[in-house]
Amino acid sequence: MTAARTRPLVAVIISALALSLGGCTFGGDEVNMETNLANQRKAAELFLESRRGIEKIRFTQDGGKPGLGAGWGANAVVTVGGSEYQAILGLLSISNEPLPSVPPDWTQVPVIVTYSDGSSEVIE
């Protein structure tokens, strides 16, 4: 096959791939507010299971799935020792600024979680 004949075939394959990978894969998925609030609560609980010394968690956005196969996540501000740290809390992964270490004898206290809609609760 000559190069002139394979170009249209390559263009068709690239177009098909682009169409099939578009939509929710690249654009992300919208998640309704009720689901976002439930996800925020679950993400806070998962975060608290793996971290010590957390005093407060405040979600600064509703959250969602950014696309490219990423799971749900939302930006949050986490308070430790009176200082605030930026974090992205998710159902599958967590990303945050380095948090300070806490003394080994530190006892977990109830944590105030403020959700993106302004409501809050204490998680023990």
Protein backbone atom coordinates (compact mmCIF):
# COMPACT_ATOMS: atom_id res chain seq x y z
CA MET A 1 0.00 0.00 0.00
CA THR A 2 1.31 3.43 -0.84
CA ALA A 3 1.61 6.33 1.59
CA ALA A 4 -1.14 8.19 -0.27
CA ARG A 5 -3.58 5.32 0.31
CA THR A 6 -2.75 4.86 4.01
CA ARG A 7 -3.24 8.52 4.96
CA PRO A 8 -7.07 8.39 4.74
CA LEU A 9 -7.09 5.17 6.76
CA VAL A 10 -4.91 6.71 9.45
CA ALA A 11 -7.17 9.80 9.53
CA VAL A 12 -10.24 7.58 9.97
CA ILE A 13 -8.61 5.64 12.82
CA ILE A 14 -7.50 8.84 14.60
CA SER A 15 -10.98 10.36 14.21
CA ALA A 16 -12.63 7.23 15.59
CA LEU A 17 -10.29 7.19 18.58
CA ALA A 18 -10.89 10.86 19.28
CA LEU A 19 -14.66 10.40 19.18
CA SER A 20 -14.61 7.30 21.37
CA LEU A 21 -12.31 8.86 23.96
CA GLY A 22 -14.20 12.14 24.11
CA GLY A 23 -17.18 12.94 26.29
CA CYS A 24 -16.95 11.80 29.87
CA THR A 25 -13.44 10.43 29.52
CA PHE A 26 -11.88 13.82 28.85
CA GLY A 27 -14.62 16.19 29.95
CA GLY A 28 -15.39 14.73 33.36
CA ASP A 29 -18.77 13.83 34.78
CA GLU A 30 -21.24 16.10 36.48
CA VAL A 31 -22.28 14.91 39.91
CA ASN A 32 -25.43 16.20 41.60
CA MET A 33 -25.24 18.07 44.92
CA GLU A 34 -26.71 15.25 47.02
CA THR A 35 -24.10 12.85 45.69
CA ASN A 36 -21.35 15.44 46.19
CA LEU A 37 -22.28 15.93 49.85
CA ALA A 38 -22.35 12.17 50.45
CA ASN A 39 -18.97 11.88 48.70
CA GLN A 40 -17.55 14.74 50.79
CA ARG A 41 -18.59 12.98 53.99
CA LYS A 42 -17.10 9.66 52.86
CA ALA A 43 -13.87 11.36 51.69
CA ALA A 44 -13.57 13.10 55.08
CA GLU A 45 -14.04 9.80 56.90
CA LEU A 46 -11.41 8.08 54.73
CA PHE A 47 -9.00 10.96 55.28
CA LEU A 48 -9.50 10.83 59.05
CA GLU A 49 -8.83 7.08 59.08
CA SER A 50 -5.37 7.67 57.64
CA ARG A 51 -4.33 10.94 59.34
CA ARG A 52 -3.88 12.04 62.92
CA GLY A 53 -4.12 15.51 64.42
CA ILE A 54 -6.87 16.83 62.16
CA GLU A 55 -9.01 19.50 63.84
CA LYS A 56 -11.21 20.70 60.97
CA ILE A 57 -11.98 19.94 57.35
CA ARG A 58 -13.67 22.56 55.16
CA PHE A 59 -14.63 21.68 51.60
CA THR A 60 -14.11 24.66 49.30
CA GLN A 61 -15.82 23.21 46.23
CA ASP A 62 -18.59 20.73 45.44
CA GLY A 63 -16.28 18.19 43.85
CA GLY A 64 -16.58 15.99 40.82
CA LYS A 65 -14.82 13.67 38.44
CA PRO A 66 -12.26 15.61 36.42
CA GLY A 67 -12.09 13.02 33.64
CA LEU A 68 -9.28 10.89 32.24
CA GLY A 69 -10.45 8.06 34.48
CA ALA A 70 -9.86 9.99 37.72
CA GLY A 71 -12.16 9.30 40.65
CA TRP A 72 -14.30 11.82 42.48
CA GLY A 73 -12.45 14.48 44.49
CA ALA A 74 -12.95 17.93 46.03
CA ASN A 75 -10.69 20.71 47.24
CA ALA A 76 -10.60 21.21 50.99
CA VAL A 77 -8.79 23.11 53.70
CA VAL A 78 -7.53 20.91 56.53
CA THR A 79 -6.67 22.42 59.93
CA VAL A 80 -3.90 20.88 62.02
CA GLY A 81 -2.45 22.62 65.08
CA GLY A 82 -4.36 25.79 64.24
CA SER A 83 -2.74 26.04 60.77
CA GLU A 84 -4.54 25.50 57.48
CA TYR A 85 -3.33 23.21 54.69
CA GLN A 86 -4.66 22.68 51.16
CA ALA A 87 -5.87 19.21 50.21
CA ILE A 88 -7.79 17.34 47.58
CA LEU A 89 -9.87 14.69 49.30
CA GLY A 90 -11.25 11.88 47.20
CA LEU A 91 -12.84 8.49 47.39
CA LEU A 92 -9.88 6.78 45.74
CA SER A 93 -6.94 9.02 46.60
CA ILE A 94 -5.85 11.95 48.72
CA SER A 95 -3.42 14.71 47.86
CA ASN A 96 -2.38 17.30 50.38
CA GLU A 97 0.35 19.64 51.43
CA PRO A 98 2.70 17.98 53.90
CA LEU A 99 1.00 17.97 57.29
CA PRO A 100 2.89 18.47 60.52
CA SER A 101 3.56 15.44 62.66
CA VAL A 102 1.65 15.08 65.89
CA PRO A 103 2.92 13.66 69.18
CA PRO A 104 2.53 9.88 69.53
CA ASP A 105 0.33 10.33 72.59
CA TRP A 106 -2.07 12.65 70.75
CA THR A 107 -5.68 11.58 71.16
CA GLN A 108 -8.09 12.05 68.26
CA VAL A 109 -10.70 14.68 69.00
CA PRO A 110 -14.04 15.16 67.22
CA VAL A 111 -13.47 16.88 63.88
CA ILE A 112 -15.70 19.64 62.52
CA VAL A 113 -16.40 19.03 58.84
CA THR A 114 -17.90 21.89 56.85
CA TYR A 115 -19.35 20.87 53.51
CA SER A 116 -19.40 22.93 50.32
CA ASP A 117 -23.06 23.90 50.86
CA GLY A 118 -22.18 25.52 54.22
CA SER A 119 -23.64 22.76 56.39
CA SER A 120 -21.40 21.12 58.97
CA GLU A 121 -21.22 18.21 61.37
CA VAL A 122 -18.87 16.71 63.89
CA ILE A 123 -17.26 13.41 62.98
CA GLU A 124 -15.82 11.43 65.89
